[in-house]
């Protein structure tokens, strides 16, 4: 399948969506644990996730 194949594009989009859901679930779990440990740890974790996401989006990955 080449890049212009609609089935390949659909499979890639589905894979990316599954990856995004797993990433969000992982961040959510991390933040929930951090909140239970200490509220400041929650905010630090949220900031780290936002910075990492911004760097990845900015790098085009």
PDB file of N, CA and C in Angstrom:
ATOM      1  N   UNK A   1       0.840  -1.184   0.000  1.00  0.00           N
ATOM      2  CA  UNK A   1       0.000   0.000   0.000  1.00  0.00           C
ATOM      3  C   UNK A   1       0.886   1.250   0.000  1.00  0.00           C
ATOM      4  N   UNK A   2       0.565   2.174  -0.863  1.00  0.00           N
ATOM      5  CA  UNK A   2       1.335   3.414  -0.880  1.00  0.00           C
ATOM      6  C   UNK A   2       0.640   4.483  -0.045  1.00  0.00           C
ATOM      7  N   UNK A   3       1.281   5.638   0.055  1.00  0.00           N
ATOM      8  CA  UNK A   3       0.775   6.699   0.933  1.00  0.00           C
ATOM      9  C   UNK A   3      -0.562   7.259   0.471  1.00  0.00           C
ATOM     10  N   UNK A   4      -0.873   7.148  -0.810  1.00  0.00           N
ATOM     11  CA  UNK A   4      -2.130   7.712  -1.304  1.00  0.00           C
ATOM     12  C   UNK A   4      -3.292   6.727  -1.193  1.00  0.00           C
ATOM     13  N   UNK A   5      -3.025   5.515  -0.753  1.00  0.00           N
ATOM     14  CA  UNK A   5      -4.062   4.502  -0.612  1.00  0.00           C
ATOM     15  C   UNK A   5      -4.992   4.875   0.550  1.00  0.00           C
ATOM     16  N   UNK A   6      -6.307   4.987   0.291  1.00  0.00           N
ATOM     17  CA  UNK A   6      -7.240   5.365   1.355  1.00  0.00           C
ATOM     18  C   UNK A   6      -7.234   4.388   2.534  1.00  0.00           C
ATOM     19  N   UNK A   7      -7.024   3.105   2.268  1.00  0.00           N
ATOM     20  CA  UNK A   7      -7.000   2.139   3.358  1.00  0.00           C
ATOM     21  C   UNK A   7      -5.786   2.342   4.251  1.00  0.00           C
ATOM     22  N   UNK A   8      -4.652   2.677   3.656  1.00  0.00           N
ATOM     23  CA  UNK A   8      -3.442   2.928   4.446  1.00  0.00           C
ATOM     24  C   UNK A   8      -3.622   4.184   5.296  1.00  0.00           C
ATOM     25  N   UNK A   9      -4.230   5.185   4.703  1.00  0.00           N
ATOM     26  CA  UNK A   9      -4.466   6.436   5.450  1.00  0.00           C
ATOM     27  C   UNK A   9      -5.417   6.191   6.616  1.00  0.00           C
ATOM     28  N   UNK A  10      -6.481   5.422   6.363  1.00  0.00           N
ATOM     29  CA  UNK A  10      -7.443   5.118   7.422  1.00  0.00           C
ATOM     30  C   UNK A  10      -6.792   4.306   8.539  1.00  0.00           C
ATOM     31  N   UNK A  11      -5.952   3.349   8.172  1.00  0.00           N
ATOM     32  CA  UNK A  11      -5.261   2.537   9.180  1.00  0.00           C
ATOM     33  C   UNK A  11      -4.311   3.403  10.009  1.00  0.00           C
ATOM     34  N   UNK A  12      -3.620   4.325   9.352  1.00  0.00           N
ATOM     35  CA  UNK A  12      -2.701   5.210  10.064  1.00  0.00           C
ATOM     36  C   UNK A  12      -3.464   6.127  11.014  1.00  0.00           C
ATOM     37  N   UNK A  13      -4.597   6.664  10.568  1.00  0.00           N
ATOM     38  CA  UNK A  13      -5.413   7.523  11.424  1.00  0.00           C
ATOM     39  C   UNK A  13      -5.954   6.748  12.625  1.00  0.00           C
ATOM     40  N   UNK A  14      -6.385   5.519  12.403  1.00  0.00           N
ATOM     41  CA  UNK A  14      -6.895   4.686  13.493  1.00  0.00           C
ATOM     42  C   UNK A  14      -5.785   4.404  14.507  1.00  0.00           C
ATOM     43  N   UNK A  15      -4.596   4.079  14.009  1.00  0.00           N
ATOM     44  CA  UNK A  15      -3.449   3.810  14.888  1.00  0.00           C
ATOM     45  C   UNK A  15      -3.097   5.056  15.697  1.00  0.00           C
ATOM     46  N   UNK A  16      -3.094   6.217  15.045  1.00  0.00           N
ATOM     47  CA  UNK A  16      -2.781   7.465  15.743  1.00  0.00           C
ATOM     48  C   UNK A  16      -3.828   7.786  16.797  1.00  0.00           C
ATOM     49  N   UNK A  17      -5.087   7.523  16.511  1.00  0.00           N
ATOM     50  CA  UNK A  17      -6.152   7.784  17.475  1.00  0.00           C
ATOM     51  C   UNK A  17      -6.014   6.878  18.698  1.00  0.00           C
ATOM     52  N   UNK A  18      -5.707   5.613  18.473  1.00  0.00           N
ATOM     53  CA  UNK A  18      -5.508   4.680  19.585  1.00  0.00           C
ATOM     54  C   UNK A  18      -4.322   5.130  20.433  1.00  0.00           C
ATOM     55  N   UNK A  19      -3.242   5.551  19.781  1.00  0.00           N
ATOM     56  CA  UNK A  19      -2.068   6.031  20.521  1.00  0.00           C
ATOM     57  C   UNK A  19      -2.420   7.263  21.348  1.00  0.00           C
ATOM     58  N   UNK A  20      -3.187   8.173  20.775  1.00  0.00           N
ATOM     59  CA  UNK A  20      -3.584   9.382  21.491  1.00  0.00           C
ATOM     60  C   UNK A  20      -4.434   9.057  22.715  1.00  0.00           C
ATOM     61  N   UNK A  21      -5.365   8.114  22.574  1.00  0.00           N
ATOM     62  CA  UNK A  21      -6.210   7.708  23.702  1.00  0.00           C
ATOM     63  C   UNK A  21      -5.357   7.101  24.814  1.00  0.00           C
ATOM     64  N   UNK A  22      -4.401   6.263  24.445  1.00  0.00           N
ATOM     65  CA  UNK A  22      -3.530   5.650  25.455  1.00  0.00           C
ATOM     66  C   UNK A  22      -2.654   6.696  26.145  1.00  0.00           C
ATOM     67  N   UNK A  23      -2.167   7.671  25.391  1.00  0.00           N
ATOM     68  CA  UNK A  23      -1.353   8.730  25.990  1.00  0.00           C
ATOM     69  C   UNK A  23      -2.176   9.547  26.970  1.00  0.00           C
ATOM     70  N   UNK A  24      -3.391   9.919  26.570  1.00  0.00           N
ATOM     71  CA  UNK A  24      -4.258  10.707  27.454  1.00  0.00           C
ATOM     72  C   UNK A  24      -4.606   9.918  28.715  1.00  0.00           C
ATOM     73  N   UNK A  25      -4.879   8.621  28.557  1.00  0.00           N
ATOM     74  CA  UNK A  25      -5.191   7.785  29.724  1.00  0.00           C
ATOM     75  C   UNK A  25      -3.983   7.702  30.659  1.00  0.00           C
ATOM     76  N   UNK A  26      -2.792   7.574  30.096  1.00  0.00           N
ATOM     77  CA  UNK A  26      -1.584   7.520  30.914  1.00  0.00           C
ATOM     78  C   UNK A  26      -1.339   8.815  31.661  1.00  0.00           C
ATOM     79  N   UNK A  27      -1.527   9.940  30.977  1.00  0.00           N
ATOM     80  CA  UNK A  27      -1.353  11.235  31.631  1.00  0.00           C
ATOM     81  C   UNK A  27      -2.408  11.410  32.716  1.00  0.00           C
ATOM     82  N   UNK A  28      -3.636  11.000  32.428  1.00  0.00           N
ATOM     83  CA  UNK A  28      -4.710  11.105  33.423  1.00  0.00           C
ATOM     84  C   UNK A  28      -4.406  10.292  34.670  1.00  0.00           C
ATOM     85  N   UNK A  29      -3.916   9.081  34.482  1.00  0.00           N
ATOM     86  CA  UNK A  29      -3.562   8.246  35.625  1.00  0.00           C
ATOM     87  C   UNK A  29      -2.419   8.834  36.431  1.00  0.00           C
ATOM     88  N   UNK A  30      -1.421   9.358  35.725  1.00  0.00           N
ATOM     89  CA  UNK A  30      -0.290   9.995  36.406  1.00  0.00           C
ATOM     90  C   UNK A  30      -0.751  11.188  37.223  1.00  0.00           C
ATOM     91  N   UNK A  31      -1.624  11.999  36.637  1.00  0.00           N
ATOM     92  CA  UNK A  31      -2.114  13.180  37.348  1.00  0.00           C
ATOM     93  C   UNK A  31      -2.973  12.798  38.553  1.00  0.00           C
ATOM     94  N   UNK A  32      -3.759  11.729  38.427  1.00  0.00           N
ATOM     95  CA  UNK A  32      -4.587  11.289  39.550  1.00  0.00           C
ATOM     96  C   UNK A  32      -3.716  10.838  40.720  1.00  0.00           C
ATOM     97  N   UNK A  33      -2.671  10.077  40.425  1.00  0.00           N
ATOM     98  CA  UNK A  33      -1.758   9.633  41.478  1.00  0.00           C
ATOM     99  C   UNK A  33      -1.028  10.827  42.079  1.00  0.00           C
ATOM    100  N   UNK A  34      -0.582  11.742  41.228  1.00  0.00           N
ATOM    101  CA  UNK A  34       0.136  12.923  41.712  1.00  0.00           C
ATOM    102  C   UNK A  34      -0.746  13.754  42.632  1.00  0.00           C
ATOM    103  N   UNK A  35      -2.029  13.898  42.293  1.00  0.00           N
ATOM    104  CA  UNK A  35      -2.952  14.681  43.128  1.00  0.00           C
ATOM    105  C   UNK A  35      -3.106  14.040  44.501  1.00  0.00           C
ATOM    106  N   UNK A  36      -3.175  12.706  44.530  1.00  0.00           N
ATOM    107  CA  UNK A  36      -3.317  12.002  45.807  1.00  0.00           C
ATOM    108  C   UNK A  36      -2.064  12.130  46.665  1.00  0.00           C
ATOM    109  N   UNK A  37      -0.897  12.254  46.038  1.00  0.00           N
ATOM    110  CA  UNK A  37       0.338  12.410  46.792  1.00  0.00           C
ATOM    111  C   UNK A  37       0.440  13.837  47.334  1.00  0.00           C
ATOM    112  N   UNK A  38       0.296  14.803  46.439  1.00  0.00           N
ATOM    113  CA  UNK A  38       0.380  16.207  46.861  1.00  0.00           C
ATOM    114  C   UNK A  38      -0.131  17.077  45.711  1.00  0.00           C
ATOM    115  N   UNK A  39      -1.011  18.054  45.997  1.00  0.00           N
ATOM    116  CA  UNK A  39      -1.555  18.898  44.917  1.00  0.00           C
ATOM    117  C   UNK A  39      -0.492  19.623  44.087  1.00  0.00           C
ATOM    118  N   UNK A  40       0.616  20.024  44.698  1.00  0.00           N
ATOM    119  CA  UNK A  40       1.661  20.694  43.914  1.00  0.00           C
ATOM    120  C   UNK A  40       2.315  19.735  42.920  1.00  0.00           C
ATOM    121  N   UNK A  41       2.401  18.465  43.290  1.00  0.00           N
ATOM    122  CA  UNK A  41       2.936  17.467  42.373  1.00  0.00           C
ATOM    123  C   UNK A  41       2.021  17.316  41.161  1.00  0.00           C
ATOM    124  N   UNK A  42       0.709  17.441  41.382  1.00  0.00           N
ATOM    125  CA  UNK A  42      -0.257  17.407  40.286  1.00  0.00           C
ATOM    126  C   UNK A  42       0.041  18.523  39.292  1.00  0.00           C
ATOM    127  N   UNK A  43       0.212  19.742  39.798  1.00  0.00           N
ATOM    128  CA  UNK A  43       0.448  20.882  38.905  1.00  0.00           C
ATOM    129  C   UNK A  43       1.799  20.776  38.210  1.00  0.00           C
ATOM    130  N   UNK A  44       2.790  20.241  38.902  1.00  0.00           N
ATOM    131  CA  UNK A  44       4.100  20.044  38.277  1.00  0.00           C
ATOM    132  C   UNK A  44       4.010  19.007  37.158  1.00  0.00           C
ATOM    133  N   UNK A  45       3.255  17.930  37.393  1.00  0.00           N
ATOM    134  CA  UNK A  45       3.082  16.895  36.374  1.00  0.00           C
ATOM    135  C   UNK A  45       2.309  17.429  35.179  1.00  0.00           C
ATOM    136  N   UNK A  46       1.289  18.226  35.457  1.00  0.00           N
ATOM    137  CA  UNK A  46       0.501  18.820  34.370  1.00  0.00           C
ATOM    138  C   UNK A  46       1.372  19.752  33.532  1.00  0.00           C
ATOM    139  N   UNK A  47       2.203  20.535  34.166  1.00  0.00           N
ATOM    140  CA  UNK A  47       3.103  21.436  33.446  1.00  0.00           C
ATOM    141  C   UNK A  47       4.099  20.652  32.595  1.00  0.00           C
ATOM    142  N   UNK A  48       4.647  19.585  33.156  1.00  0.00           N
ATOM    143  CA  UNK A  48       5.600  18.757  32.408  1.00  0.00           C
ATOM    144  C   UNK A  48       4.935  18.123  31.192  1.00  0.00           C
ATOM    145  N   UNK A  49       3.687  17.655  31.352  1.00  0.00           N
ATOM    146  CA  UNK A  49       2.966  17.059  30.223  1.00  0.00           C
ATOM    147  C   UNK A  49       2.694  18.108  29.146  1.00  0.00           C
ATOM    148  N   UNK A  50       2.332  19.320  29.555  1.00  0.00           N
ATOM    149  CA  UNK A  50       2.055  20.384  28.589  1.00  0.00           C
ATOM    150  C   UNK A  50       3.329  20.792  27.832  1.00  0.00           C
ATOM    151  N   UNK A  51       4.439  20.890  28.558  1.00  0.00           N
ATOM    152  CA  UNK A  51       5.701  21.264  27.906  1.00  0.00           C
ATOM    153  C   UNK A  51       6.140  20.169  26.933  1.00  0.00           C
ATOM    154  N   UNK A  52       6.026  18.910  27.355  1.00  0.00           N
ATOM    155  CA  UNK A  52       6.401  17.799  26.478  1.00  0.00           C
ATOM    156  C   UNK A  52       5.530  17.782  25.238  1.00  0.00           C
ATOM    157  N   UNK A  53       4.220  17.960  25.408  1.00  0.00           N
ATOM    158  CA  UNK A  53       3.316  18.000  24.252  1.00  0.00           C
ATOM    159  C   UNK A  53       3.637  19.150  23.323  1.00  0.00           C
ATOM    160  N   UNK A  54       3.947  20.308  23.885  1.00  0.00           N
ATOM    161  CA  UNK A  54       4.306  21.450  23.050  1.00  0.00           C
ATOM    162  C   UNK A  54       5.581  21.228  22.268  1.00  0.00           C
ATOM    163  N   UNK A  55       6.572  20.588  22.897  1.00  0.00           N
ATOM    164  CA  UNK A  55       7.819  20.307  22.207  1.00  0.00           C
ATOM    165  C   UNK A  55       7.580  19.306  21.080  1.00  0.00           C
ATOM    166  N   UNK A  56       6.798  18.259  21.353  1.00  0.00           N
ATOM    167  CA  UNK A  56       6.534  17.265  20.318  1.00  0.00           C
ATOM    168  C   UNK A  56       5.732  17.848  19.158  1.00  0.00           C
ATOM    169  N   UNK A  57       4.743  18.688  19.462  1.00  0.00           N
ATOM    170  CA  UNK A  57       3.966  19.321  18.398  1.00  0.00           C
ATOM    171  C   UNK A  57       4.852  20.286  17.598  1.00  0.00           C
ATOM    172  N   UNK A  58       5.703  21.014  18.293  1.00  0.00           N
ATOM    173  CA  UNK A  58       6.578  21.965  17.622  1.00  0.00           C
ATOM    174  C   UNK A  58       7.631  21.304  16.751  1.00  0.00           C
ATOM    175  N   UNK A  59       8.017  20.089  17.112  1.00  0.00           N
ATOM    176  CA  UNK A  59       9.042  19.398  16.332  1.00  0.00           C
ATOM    177  C   UNK A  59       8.443  18.644  15.137  1.00  0.00           C
ATOM    178  N   UNK A  60       7.128  18.576  15.077  1.00  0.00           N
ATOM    179  CA  UNK A  60       6.473  17.918  13.945  1.00  0.00           C
ATOM    180  C   UNK A  60       6.410  16.418  14.054  1.00  0.00           C
ATOM    181  N   UNK A  61       6.611  15.861  15.241  1.00  0.00           N
ATOM    182  CA  UNK A  61       6.574  14.400  15.403  1.00  0.00           C
ATOM    183  C   UNK A  61       5.198  13.927  15.761  1.00  0.00           C
TER     184      UNK A  61
END
